[in-house]
C-alpha cells in the first residue's frame, strides 16, 4: 500500500556530485525534487553529514 505524497521505494545515490567526483567529509544541504506522472511536484530540503 502507498500513501499519497510518499515514495514507496528508496532513491539510489552513488555518493558522487554532478561531475562524478566523490564528496568529501562535511555537512551538505541538498534538495530532492520528484515529479509524478500527473506533473505533481514534491520537494524536500535536508542536511547530509558525510564522515568518511
PDB file of N, CA and C in Angstrom:
ATOM      1  N   UNK A   1       0.842  -1.184   0.000  1.00  0.00           N
ATOM      2  CA  UNK A   1       0.000   0.000   0.000  1.00  0.00           C
ATOM      3  C   UNK A   1       0.886   1.246   0.000  1.00  0.00           C
ATOM      4  N   UNK A   2       0.509   2.249  -0.755  1.00  0.00           N
ATOM      5  CA  UNK A   2       1.247   3.506  -0.761  1.00  0.00           C
ATOM      6  C   UNK A   2       0.325   4.626  -0.304  1.00  0.00           C
ATOM      7  N   UNK A   3       0.899   5.646   0.266  1.00  0.00           N
ATOM      8  CA  UNK A   3       0.148   6.814   0.707  1.00  0.00           C
ATOM      9  C   UNK A   3       0.451   7.968  -0.235  1.00  0.00           C
ATOM     10  N   UNK A   4      -0.529   8.773  -0.522  1.00  0.00           N
ATOM     11  CA  UNK A   4      -0.326   9.914  -1.400  1.00  0.00           C
ATOM     12  C   UNK A   4       0.740  10.836  -0.828  1.00  0.00           C
ATOM     13  N   UNK A   5       1.698  11.230  -1.662  1.00  0.00           N
ATOM     14  CA  UNK A   5       2.758  12.123  -1.233  1.00  0.00           C
ATOM     15  C   UNK A   5       4.011  11.419  -0.744  1.00  0.00           C
ATOM     16  N   UNK A   6       4.002  10.104  -0.745  1.00  0.00           N
ATOM     17  CA  UNK A   6       5.169   9.352  -0.280  1.00  0.00           C
ATOM     18  C   UNK A   6       5.672   8.448  -1.390  1.00  0.00           C
ATOM     19  N   UNK A   7       6.952   8.271  -1.441  1.00  0.00           N
ATOM     20  CA  UNK A   7       7.578   7.387  -2.426  1.00  0.00           C
ATOM     21  C   UNK A   7       7.801   6.043  -1.755  1.00  0.00           C
ATOM     22  N   UNK A   8       7.254   4.961  -2.299  1.00  0.00           N
ATOM     23  CA  UNK A   8       7.347   3.655  -1.619  1.00  0.00           C
ATOM     24  C   UNK A   8       8.736   3.024  -1.669  1.00  0.00           C
ATOM     25  N   UNK A   9       9.555   3.360  -2.654  1.00  0.00           N
ATOM     26  CA  UNK A   9      10.893   2.774  -2.741  1.00  0.00           C
ATOM     27  C   UNK A   9      11.941   3.849  -2.480  1.00  0.00           C
ATOM     28  N   UNK A  10      13.148   3.423  -2.189  1.00  0.00           N
ATOM     29  CA  UNK A  10      14.232   4.356  -1.910  1.00  0.00           C
ATOM     30  C   UNK A  10      14.777   5.008  -3.167  1.00  0.00           C
ATOM     31  N   UNK A  11      15.691   5.936  -2.967  1.00  0.00           N
ATOM     32  CA  UNK A  11      16.372   6.613  -4.063  1.00  0.00           C
ATOM     33  C   UNK A  11      17.849   6.253  -3.971  1.00  0.00           C
ATOM     34  N   UNK A  12      18.395   5.669  -5.022  1.00  0.00           N
ATOM     35  CA  UNK A  12      19.802   5.283  -5.031  1.00  0.00           C
ATOM     36  C   UNK A  12      20.680   6.482  -5.369  1.00  0.00           C
ATOM     37  N   UNK A  13      21.827   6.565  -4.678  1.00  0.00           N
ATOM     38  CA  UNK A  13      22.800   7.618  -4.941  1.00  0.00           C
ATOM     39  C   UNK A  13      24.183   7.024  -4.725  1.00  0.00           C
ATOM     40  N   UNK A  14      25.109   7.299  -5.608  1.00  0.00           N
ATOM     41  CA  UNK A  14      26.445   6.709  -5.550  1.00  0.00           C
ATOM     42  C   UNK A  14      27.442   7.517  -4.727  1.00  0.00           C
ATOM     43  N   UNK A  15      27.011   8.602  -4.085  1.00  0.00           N
ATOM     44  CA  UNK A  15      27.903   9.396  -3.254  1.00  0.00           C
ATOM     45  C   UNK A  15      28.764  10.368  -4.039  1.00  0.00           C
ATOM     46  N   UNK A  16      28.428  10.575  -5.314  1.00  0.00           N
ATOM     47  CA  UNK A  16      29.218  11.463  -6.172  1.00  0.00           C
ATOM     48  C   UNK A  16      28.421  12.701  -6.537  1.00  0.00           C
ATOM     49  N   UNK A  17      29.147  13.773  -6.862  1.00  0.00           N
ATOM     50  CA  UNK A  17      28.491  15.002  -7.287  1.00  0.00           C
ATOM     51  C   UNK A  17      28.159  14.951  -8.776  1.00  0.00           C
ATOM     52  N   UNK A  18      27.655  16.047  -9.290  1.00  0.00           N
ATOM     53  CA  UNK A  18      27.233  16.080 -10.700  1.00  0.00           C
ATOM     54  C   UNK A  18      28.396  15.949 -11.679  1.00  0.00           C
ATOM     55  N   UNK A  19      29.646  16.085 -11.186  1.00  0.00           N
ATOM     56  CA  UNK A  19      30.823  15.941 -12.039  1.00  0.00           C
ATOM     57  C   UNK A  19      31.448  14.552 -11.932  1.00  0.00           C
ATOM     58  N   UNK A  20      30.847  13.682 -11.113  1.00  0.00           N
ATOM     59  CA  UNK A  20      31.360  12.328 -10.951  1.00  0.00           C
ATOM     60  C   UNK A  20      32.416  12.189  -9.865  1.00  0.00           C
ATOM     61  N   UNK A  21      32.646  13.256  -9.097  1.00  0.00           N
ATOM     62  CA  UNK A  21      33.630  13.217  -8.019  1.00  0.00           C
ATOM     63  C   UNK A  21      32.968  12.808  -6.705  1.00  0.00           C
ATOM     64  N   UNK A  22      33.661  11.960  -5.932  1.00  0.00           N
ATOM     65  CA  UNK A  22      33.151  11.539  -4.638  1.00  0.00           C
ATOM     66  C   UNK A  22      33.169  12.728  -3.675  1.00  0.00           C
ATOM     67  N   UNK A  23      32.085  12.915  -2.931  1.00  0.00           N
ATOM     68  CA  UNK A  23      32.024  14.015  -1.975  1.00  0.00           C
ATOM     69  C   UNK A  23      32.943  13.744  -0.791  1.00  0.00           C
ATOM     70  N   UNK A  24      33.596  14.776  -0.314  1.00  0.00           N
ATOM     71  CA  UNK A  24      34.471  14.668   0.846  1.00  0.00           C
ATOM     72  C   UNK A  24      33.688  14.854   2.137  1.00  0.00           C
ATOM     73  N   UNK A  25      34.404  14.731   3.249  1.00  0.00           N
ATOM     74  CA  UNK A  25      33.780  14.946   4.554  1.00  0.00           C
ATOM     75  C   UNK A  25      33.166  16.324   4.627  1.00  0.00           C
ATOM     76  N   UNK A  26      32.052  16.398   5.350  1.00  0.00           N
ATOM     77  CA  UNK A  26      31.441  17.710   5.537  1.00  0.00           C
ATOM     78  C   UNK A  26      29.949  17.621   5.722  1.00  0.00           C
ATOM     79  N   UNK A  27      29.368  18.792   5.877  1.00  0.00           N
ATOM     80  CA  UNK A  27      27.919  18.922   6.002  1.00  0.00           C
ATOM     81  C   UNK A  27      27.415  19.560   4.712  1.00  0.00           C
ATOM     82  N   UNK A  28      26.454  18.936   4.099  1.00  0.00           N
ATOM     83  CA  UNK A  28      25.901  19.398   2.829  1.00  0.00           C
ATOM     84  C   UNK A  28      24.405  19.634   2.976  1.00  0.00           C
ATOM     85  N   UNK A  29      23.905  20.595   2.253  1.00  0.00           N
ATOM     86  CA  UNK A  29      22.463  20.831   2.150  1.00  0.00           C
ATOM     87  C   UNK A  29      22.051  20.336   0.774  1.00  0.00           C
ATOM     88  N   UNK A  30      20.994  19.520   0.732  1.00  0.00           N
ATOM     89  CA  UNK A  30      20.534  19.017  -0.563  1.00  0.00           C
ATOM     90  C   UNK A  30      19.033  19.197  -0.698  1.00  0.00           C
ATOM     91  N   UNK A  31      18.597  19.252  -1.948  1.00  0.00           N
ATOM     92  CA  UNK A  31      17.171  19.340  -2.252  1.00  0.00           C
ATOM     93  C   UNK A  31      16.824  18.195  -3.190  1.00  0.00           C
ATOM     94  N   UNK A  32      15.786  17.465  -2.839  1.00  0.00           N
ATOM     95  CA  UNK A  32      15.278  16.383  -3.673  1.00  0.00           C
ATOM     96  C   UNK A  32      13.931  16.823  -4.218  1.00  0.00           C
ATOM     97  N   UNK A  33      13.777  16.772  -5.527  1.00  0.00           N
ATOM     98  CA  UNK A  33      12.521  17.148  -6.177  1.00  0.00           C
ATOM     99  C   UNK A  33      12.050  15.975  -7.023  1.00  0.00           C
ATOM    100  N   UNK A  34      10.794  15.618  -6.850  1.00  0.00           N
ATOM    101  CA  UNK A  34      10.205  14.499  -7.583  1.00  0.00           C
ATOM    102  C   UNK A  34       8.929  14.980  -8.258  1.00  0.00           C
ATOM    103  N   UNK A  35       8.766  14.602  -9.522  1.00  0.00           N
ATOM    104  CA  UNK A  35       7.545  14.913 -10.269  1.00  0.00           C
ATOM    105  C   UNK A  35       6.912  13.589 -10.665  1.00  0.00           C
ATOM    106  N   UNK A  36       5.617  13.439 -10.355  1.00  0.00           N
ATOM    107  CA  UNK A  36       4.941  12.182 -10.690  1.00  0.00           C
ATOM    108  C   UNK A  36       4.361  12.244 -12.105  1.00  0.00           C
ATOM    109  N   UNK A  37       3.694  11.190 -12.494  1.00  0.00           N
ATOM    110  CA  UNK A  37       3.156  11.092 -13.861  1.00  0.00           C
ATOM    111  C   UNK A  37       2.029  12.086 -14.116  1.00  0.00           C
ATOM    112  N   UNK A  38       1.486  12.693 -13.062  1.00  0.00           N
ATOM    113  CA  UNK A  38       0.423  13.695 -13.213  1.00  0.00           C
ATOM    114  C   UNK A  38       0.980  15.114 -13.073  1.00  0.00           C
ATOM    115  N   UNK A  39       2.310  15.246 -13.204  1.00  0.00           N
ATOM    116  CA  UNK A  39       3.024  16.528 -13.103  1.00  0.00           C
ATOM    117  C   UNK A  39       2.869  17.206 -11.745  1.00  0.00           C
ATOM    118  N   UNK A  40       2.599  16.426 -10.700  1.00  0.00           N
ATOM    119  CA  UNK A  40       2.592  16.967  -9.342  1.00  0.00           C
ATOM    120  C   UNK A  40       4.016  16.890  -8.813  1.00  0.00           C
ATOM    121  N   UNK A  41       4.458  17.960  -8.138  1.00  0.00           N
ATOM    122  CA  UNK A  41       5.844  18.043  -7.688  1.00  0.00           C
ATOM    123  C   UNK A  41       5.905  18.051  -6.159  1.00  0.00           C
ATOM    124  N   UNK A  42       6.874  17.329  -5.635  1.00  0.00           N
ATOM    125  CA  UNK A  42       7.150  17.356  -4.200  1.00  0.00           C
ATOM    126  C   UNK A  42       8.634  17.653  -4.032  1.00  0.00           C
ATOM    127  N   UNK A  43       8.970  18.512  -3.057  1.00  0.00           N
ATOM    128  CA  UNK A  43      10.359  18.872  -2.795  1.00  0.00           C
ATOM    129  C   UNK A  43      10.653  18.718  -1.316  1.00  0.00           C
ATOM    130  N   UNK A  44      11.900  18.362  -1.012  1.00  0.00           N
ATOM    131  CA  UNK A  44      12.353  18.238   0.374  1.00  0.00           C
ATOM    132  C   UNK A  44      13.781  18.730   0.430  1.00  0.00           C
ATOM    133  N   UNK A  45      14.093  19.604   1.383  1.00  0.00           N
ATOM    134  CA  UNK A  45      15.459  20.082   1.604  1.00  0.00           C
ATOM    135  C   UNK A  45      15.924  19.578   2.948  1.00  0.00           C
ATOM    136  N   UNK A  46      17.126  18.999   2.989  1.00  0.00           N
ATOM    137  CA  UNK A  46      17.657  18.378   4.207  1.00  0.00           C
ATOM    138  C   UNK A  46      19.157  18.609   4.299  1.00  0.00           C
ATOM    139  N   UNK A  47      19.733  18.244   5.462  1.00  0.00           N
ATOM    140  CA  UNK A  47      21.174  18.249   5.675  1.00  0.00           C
ATOM    141  C   UNK A  47      21.695  16.819   5.530  1.00  0.00           C
ATOM    142  N   UNK A  48      22.887  16.690   4.993  1.00  0.00           N
ATOM    143  CA  UNK A  48      23.566  15.407   4.866  1.00  0.00           C
ATOM    144  C   UNK A  48      24.952  15.564   5.475  1.00  0.00           C
ATOM    145  N   UNK A  49      25.310  14.671   6.398  1.00  0.00           N
ATOM    146  CA  UNK A  49      26.623  14.700   7.036  1.00  0.00           C
ATOM    147  C   UNK A  49      27.420  13.496   6.539  1.00  0.00           C
ATOM    148  N   UNK A  50      28.585  13.740   5.930  1.00  0.00           N
ATOM    149  CA  UNK A  50      29.462  12.670   5.461  1.00  0.00           C
ATOM    150  C   UNK A  50      30.686  12.648   6.362  1.00  0.00           C
ATOM    151  N   UNK A  51      30.928  11.477   6.969  1.00  0.00           N
ATOM    152  CA  UNK A  51      32.024  11.347   7.917  1.00  0.00           C
ATOM    153  C   UNK A  51      33.240  10.634   7.346  1.00  0.00           C
ATOM    154  N   UNK A  52      33.092   9.875   6.285  1.00  0.00           N
ATOM    155  CA  UNK A  52      34.223   9.117   5.713  1.00  0.00           C
ATOM    156  C   UNK A  52      34.885   9.873   4.602  1.00  0.00           C
TER     157      UNK A  52
END
